Amino acid sequence: MASITLGGNPVHTSGELPAVGSKLADFKLVQNDLSVASLSTFAGKKLVLNIFPSVDTGTCATSVRTFNASASGLENTTVLCISRDLPFAQKRFCGAEGLENVVNLSDFPTGAFGKANGLEIVDGPLAGLHSRAIIVVDADGTITHTEQVAEIANEPNYEAALAAL
């Protein structure tokens, strides 16, 4: 269980992020068109998993915008923005912002991805949502970088994530 904070107040996650050097576990996440994506959907691609509580918060929105700006220049890399938001909210946000270089994926209705990767917040006002984290995966599915952001309101270290590609 990771101990993180929200506004300086302690909250906890369901576990720890997967270890660098391990393989990313397969997943089933909902795309904006309500179809299901899995790890095999992105086979052969390097992945940046930008995971956050909700696209409707300022820091989460900033992370999506920042990775969208970087994504167009990344070779053989897909940025996945993952939250428990409904696909409709993710699609609305990216449409309104003109963001086309990231792929939004929703972990509704079960939150299985968050639970499997130690991301689910288990107490506090955001219980049930995902913590803010980054997981970078190479083209073979091996995790090359992780970051559990210690304070939910803070942005991740974008440079470190991109350098791990």
C-alpha atoms as a PDB file:
ATOM      1  CA  MET A   1       0.000   0.000   0.000  1.00  0.00           C
ATOM      2  CA  ALA A   2       1.404   3.376  -1.030  1.00  0.00           C
ATOM      3  CA  SER A   3       0.908   6.349   1.256  1.00  0.00           C
ATOM      4  CA  ILE A   4       0.220   9.539  -0.687  1.00  0.00           C
ATOM      5  CA  THR A   5      -1.422  12.835   0.187  1.00  0.00           C
ATOM      6  CA  LEU A   6      -4.335  14.931  -0.996  1.00  0.00           C
ATOM      7  CA  GLY A   7      -3.921  18.540   0.067  1.00  0.00           C
ATOM      8  CA  GLY A   8      -1.332  17.367   2.580  1.00  0.00           C
ATOM      9  CA  ASN A   9      -3.708  14.855   4.170  1.00  0.00           C
ATOM     10  CA  PRO A  10      -2.675  11.182   4.047  1.00  0.00           C
ATOM     11  CA  VAL A  11      -4.548   8.751   1.810  1.00  0.00           C
ATOM     12  CA  HIS A  12      -3.599   5.253   0.731  1.00  0.00           C
ATOM     13  CA  THR A  13      -3.649   3.152  -2.411  1.00  0.00           C
ATOM     14  CA  SER A  14      -4.542  -0.503  -2.815  1.00  0.00           C
ATOM     15  CA  GLY A  15      -0.913  -1.477  -3.363  1.00  0.00           C
ATOM     16  CA  GLU A  16       2.369  -0.538  -5.001  1.00  0.00           C
ATOM     17  CA  LEU A  17       3.036   0.197  -8.664  1.00  0.00           C
ATOM     18  CA  PRO A  18       4.387  -2.737 -10.684  1.00  0.00           C
ATOM     19  CA  ALA A  19       8.169  -3.075 -10.531  1.00  0.00           C
ATOM     20  CA  VAL A  20      10.489  -1.657 -13.168  1.00  0.00           C
ATOM     21  CA  GLY A  21      11.733  -4.608 -15.211  1.00  0.00           C
ATOM     22  CA  SER A  22       8.478  -6.561 -14.869  1.00  0.00           C
ATOM     23  CA  LYS A  23       5.958  -7.049 -17.656  1.00  0.00           C
ATOM     24  CA  LEU A  24       2.846  -4.887 -17.693  1.00  0.00           C
ATOM     25  CA  ALA A  25      -0.151  -7.110 -16.971  1.00  0.00           C
ATOM     26  CA  ASP A  26      -2.817  -7.354 -19.650  1.00  0.00           C
ATOM     27  CA  PHE A  27      -5.793  -5.068 -19.161  1.00  0.00           C
ATOM     28  CA  LYS A  28      -9.254  -4.342 -20.488  1.00  0.00           C
ATOM     29  CA  LEU A  29     -10.130  -0.643 -20.622  1.00  0.00           C
ATOM     30  CA  VAL A  30     -12.995   1.144 -22.350  1.00  0.00           C
ATOM     31  CA  GLN A  31     -12.248   3.424 -25.306  1.00  0.00           C
ATOM     32  CA  ASN A  32     -14.256   6.531 -26.242  1.00  0.00           C
ATOM     33  CA  ASP A  33     -16.377   4.518 -28.697  1.00  0.00           C
ATOM     34  CA  LEU A  34     -17.188   2.026 -25.872  1.00  0.00           C
ATOM     35  CA  SER A  35     -15.076  -0.724 -27.435  1.00  0.00           C
ATOM     36  CA  VAL A  36     -12.575  -2.506 -25.222  1.00  0.00           C
ATOM     37  CA  ALA A  37      -8.810  -2.053 -25.583  1.00  0.00           C
ATOM     38  CA  SER A  38      -6.251  -4.446 -24.145  1.00  0.00           C
ATOM     39  CA  LEU A  39      -2.483  -4.500 -24.024  1.00  0.00           C
ATOM     40  CA  SER A  40      -2.469  -6.366 -27.353  1.00  0.00           C
ATOM     41  CA  THR A  41      -4.280  -3.388 -28.946  1.00  0.00           C
ATOM     42  CA  PHE A  42      -0.975  -1.519 -28.620  1.00  0.00           C
ATOM     43  CA  ALA A  43       1.373  -4.442 -29.410  1.00  0.00           C
ATOM     44  CA  GLY A  44       4.816  -3.363 -30.613  1.00  0.00           C
ATOM     45  CA  LYS A  45       4.387   0.214 -29.334  1.00  0.00           C
ATOM     46  CA  LYS A  46       6.148   1.939 -26.475  1.00  0.00           C
ATOM     47  CA  LEU A  47       3.550   3.209 -24.019  1.00  0.00           C
ATOM     48  CA  VAL A  48       3.316   6.068 -21.572  1.00  0.00           C
ATOM     49  CA  LEU A  49       0.458   5.412 -19.166  1.00  0.00           C
ATOM     50  CA  ASN A  50      -0.660   8.745 -17.717  1.00  0.00           C
ATOM     51  CA  ILE A  51      -2.953   7.672 -14.870  1.00  0.00           C
ATOM     52  CA  PHE A  52      -4.986  10.128 -12.800  1.00  0.00           C
ATOM     53  CA  PRO A  53      -8.166  10.578 -10.712  1.00  0.00           C
ATOM     54  CA  SER A  54     -10.336  12.623 -13.122  1.00  0.00           C
ATOM     55  CA  VAL A  55      -9.880  14.659 -16.281  1.00  0.00           C
ATOM     56  CA  ASP A  56     -12.241  17.231 -14.754  1.00  0.00           C
ATOM     57  CA  THR A  57      -9.584  18.507 -12.338  1.00  0.00           C
ATOM     58  CA  GLY A  58      -6.943  21.086 -13.160  1.00  0.00           C
ATOM     59  CA  THR A  59      -3.824  18.985 -12.603  1.00  0.00           C
ATOM     60  CA  CYS A  60      -5.246  15.980 -14.454  1.00  0.00           C
ATOM     61  CA  ALA A  61      -6.242  18.157 -17.400  1.00  0.00           C
ATOM     62  CA  THR A  62      -2.762  19.710 -17.442  1.00  0.00           C
ATOM     63  CA  SER A  63      -1.123  16.272 -17.575  1.00  0.00           C
ATOM     64  CA  VAL A  64      -3.276  15.259 -20.544  1.00  0.00           C
ATOM     65  CA  ARG A  65      -2.455  18.532 -22.362  1.00  0.00           C
ATOM     66  CA  THR A  66       1.263  18.215 -21.610  1.00  0.00           C
ATOM     67  CA  PHE A  67       1.540  14.623 -22.805  1.00  0.00           C
ATOM     68  CA  ASN A  68      -0.590  15.461 -25.868  1.00  0.00           C
ATOM     69  CA  ALA A  69       1.928  18.155 -26.818  1.00  0.00           C
ATOM     70  CA  SER A  70       4.835  15.706 -26.450  1.00  0.00           C
ATOM     71  CA  ALA A  71       3.145  12.719 -28.066  1.00  0.00           C
ATOM     72  CA  SER A  72       3.230  13.988 -31.648  1.00  0.00           C
ATOM     73  CA  GLY A  73       7.031  13.932 -31.623  1.00  0.00           C
ATOM     74  CA  LEU A  74       7.460  10.482 -30.072  1.00  0.00           C
ATOM     75  CA  GLU A  75       8.499   7.652 -32.359  1.00  0.00           C
ATOM     76  CA  ASN A  76       6.536   4.376 -32.097  1.00  0.00           C
ATOM     77  CA  THR A  77       4.963   5.580 -28.848  1.00  0.00           C
ATOM     78  CA  THR A  78       1.375   5.885 -27.697  1.00  0.00           C
ATOM     79  CA  VAL A  79       0.302   7.914 -24.667  1.00  0.00           C
ATOM     80  CA  LEU A  80      -2.611   6.319 -22.806  1.00  0.00           C
ATOM     81  CA  CYS A  81      -4.543   8.619 -20.470  1.00  0.00           C
ATOM     82  CA  ILE A  82      -6.298   6.368 -17.958  1.00  0.00           C
ATOM     83  CA  SER A  83      -8.888   7.286 -15.334  1.00  0.00           C
ATOM     84  CA  ARG A  84     -12.218   6.108 -13.929  1.00  0.00           C
ATOM     85  CA  ASP A  85     -13.989   8.923 -15.836  1.00  0.00           C
ATOM     86  CA  LEU A  86     -16.726   7.797 -18.166  1.00  0.00           C
ATOM     87  CA  PRO A  87     -15.558   7.599 -21.789  1.00  0.00           C
ATOM     88  CA  PHE A  88     -18.043  10.363 -22.642  1.00  0.00           C
ATOM     89  CA  ALA A  89     -16.311  12.810 -20.269  1.00  0.00           C
ATOM     90  CA  GLN A  90     -12.875  11.887 -21.630  1.00  0.00           C
ATOM     91  CA  LYS A  91     -14.066  12.362 -25.209  1.00  0.00           C
ATOM     92  CA  ARG A  92     -15.753  15.685 -24.364  1.00  0.00           C
ATOM     93  CA  PHE A  93     -12.613  17.024 -22.701  1.00  0.00           C
ATOM     94  CA  CYS A  94     -10.238  16.078 -25.514  1.00  0.00           C
ATOM     95  CA  GLY A  95     -12.689  17.301 -28.158  1.00  0.00           C
ATOM     96  CA  ALA A  96     -13.125  20.672 -26.462  1.00  0.00           C
ATOM     97  CA  GLU A  97      -9.349  20.998 -26.053  1.00  0.00           C
ATOM     98  CA  GLY A  98      -8.494  19.764 -29.564  1.00  0.00           C
ATOM     99  CA  LEU A  99      -6.294  16.995 -28.152  1.00  0.00           C
ATOM    100  CA  GLU A 100      -5.701  14.279 -30.734  1.00  0.00           C
ATOM    101  CA  ASN A 101      -2.307  12.789 -29.842  1.00  0.00           C
ATOM    102  CA  VAL A 102      -3.324  10.776 -26.764  1.00  0.00           C
ATOM    103  CA  VAL A 103      -5.631   7.793 -26.312  1.00  0.00           C
ATOM    104  CA  ASN A 104      -8.163   8.023 -23.485  1.00  0.00           C
ATOM    105  CA  LEU A 105      -9.084   4.827 -21.702  1.00  0.00           C
ATOM    106  CA  SER A 106     -11.635   4.393 -18.933  1.00  0.00           C
ATOM    107  CA  ASP A 107     -11.393   1.905 -16.071  1.00  0.00           C
ATOM    108  CA  PHE A 108     -15.115   1.947 -15.422  1.00  0.00           C
ATOM    109  CA  PRO A 109     -17.174   0.153 -14.167  1.00  0.00           C
ATOM    110  CA  THR A 110     -15.001  -2.153 -12.040  1.00  0.00           C
ATOM    111  CA  GLY A 111     -11.687  -0.336 -11.635  1.00  0.00           C
ATOM    112  CA  ALA A 112      -9.912  -3.645 -12.294  1.00  0.00           C
ATOM    113  CA  PHE A 113      -6.884  -1.942 -13.899  1.00  0.00           C
ATOM    114  CA  GLY A 114      -6.381   0.296 -10.878  1.00  0.00           C
ATOM    115  CA  LYS A 115      -6.757  -2.563  -8.445  1.00  0.00           C
ATOM    116  CA  ALA A 116      -4.367  -4.820 -10.396  1.00  0.00           C
ATOM    117  CA  ASN A 117      -1.681  -2.117 -10.537  1.00  0.00           C
ATOM    118  CA  GLY A 118      -1.962  -0.790  -6.966  1.00  0.00           C
ATOM    119  CA  LEU A 119      -3.509   2.493  -8.108  1.00  0.00           C
ATOM    120  CA  GLU A 120      -6.918   2.515  -6.445  1.00  0.00           C
ATOM    121  CA  ILE A 121      -7.279   5.113  -3.702  1.00  0.00           C
ATOM    122  CA  VAL A 122      -8.815   3.242  -0.752  1.00  0.00           C
ATOM    123  CA  ASP A 123      -9.641   6.056   1.687  1.00  0.00           C
ATOM    124  CA  GLY A 124     -10.311   9.776   1.775  1.00  0.00           C
ATOM    125  CA  PRO A 125     -12.584  11.847  -0.472  1.00  0.00           C
ATOM    126  CA  LEU A 126     -11.250  10.301  -3.718  1.00  0.00           C
ATOM    127  CA  ALA A 127     -11.681   6.682  -2.593  1.00  0.00           C
ATOM    128  CA  GLY A 128     -12.372   4.447  -5.591  1.00  0.00           C
ATOM    129  CA  LEU A 129     -10.515   6.663  -8.071  1.00  0.00           C
ATOM    130  CA  HIS A 130      -6.947   6.145  -9.307  1.00  0.00           C
ATOM    131  CA  SER A 131      -3.921   7.834  -7.819  1.00  0.00           C
ATOM    132  CA  ARG A 132      -1.757  10.015 -10.048  1.00  0.00           C
ATOM    133  CA  ALA A 133       0.946   7.805 -11.506  1.00  0.00           C
ATOM    134  CA  ILE A 134       3.049   7.224 -14.607  1.00  0.00           C
ATOM    135  CA  ILE A 135       4.057   3.849 -16.015  1.00  0.00           C
ATOM    136  CA  VAL A 136       6.337   3.686 -19.071  1.00  0.00           C
ATOM    137  CA  VAL A 137       6.513   0.448 -21.055  1.00  0.00           C
ATOM    138  CA  ASP A 138       8.884  -0.525 -23.872  1.00  0.00           C
ATOM    139  CA  ALA A 139       7.729  -2.130 -27.142  1.00  0.00           C
ATOM    140  CA  ASP A 140       8.089  -5.600 -25.594  1.00  0.00           C
ATOM    141  CA  GLY A 141       5.779  -4.783 -22.675  1.00  0.00           C
ATOM    142  CA  THR A 142       8.521  -4.380 -20.061  1.00  0.00           C
ATOM    143  CA  ILE A 143       8.099  -1.567 -17.554  1.00  0.00           C
ATOM    144  CA  THR A 144      11.010   0.884 -17.809  1.00  0.00           C
ATOM    145  CA  HIS A 145       9.818   3.649 -15.455  1.00  0.00           C
ATOM    146  CA  THR A 146       7.189   4.253 -12.799  1.00  0.00           C
ATOM    147  CA  GLU A 147       6.258   7.239 -10.705  1.00  0.00           C
ATOM    148  CA  GLN A 148       3.691   7.336  -7.923  1.00  0.00           C
ATOM    149  CA  VAL A 149       3.089  11.070  -7.459  1.00  0.00           C
ATOM    150  CA  ALA A 150       3.304  11.657  -3.696  1.00  0.00           C
ATOM    151  CA  GLU A 151       0.817  14.580  -3.587  1.00  0.00           C
ATOM    152  CA  ILE A 152      -2.222  14.025  -5.790  1.00  0.00           C
ATOM    153  CA  ALA A 153      -2.464  17.738  -6.614  1.00  0.00           C
ATOM    154  CA  ASN A 154       1.083  17.776  -8.068  1.00  0.00           C
ATOM    155  CA  GLU A 155       2.011  17.069 -11.680  1.00  0.00           C
ATOM    156  CA  PRO A 156       4.139  14.063 -12.578  1.00  0.00           C
ATOM    157  CA  ASN A 157       7.759  14.347 -13.699  1.00  0.00           C
ATOM    158  CA  TYR A 158       7.153  14.545 -17.451  1.00  0.00           C
ATOM    159  CA  GLU A 159      10.845  14.715 -18.336  1.00  0.00           C
ATOM    160  CA  ALA A 160      11.696  11.525 -16.419  1.00  0.00           C
ATOM    161  CA  ALA A 161       8.818   9.653 -18.069  1.00  0.00           C
ATOM    162  CA  LEU A 162       9.803  10.727 -21.560  1.00  0.00           C
ATOM    163  CA  ALA A 163      13.489  10.015 -20.898  1.00  0.00           C
ATOM    164  CA  ALA A 164      12.558   6.399 -20.048  1.00  0.00           C
ATOM    165  CA  LEU A 165      11.388   5.806 -23.623  1.00  0.00           C
END
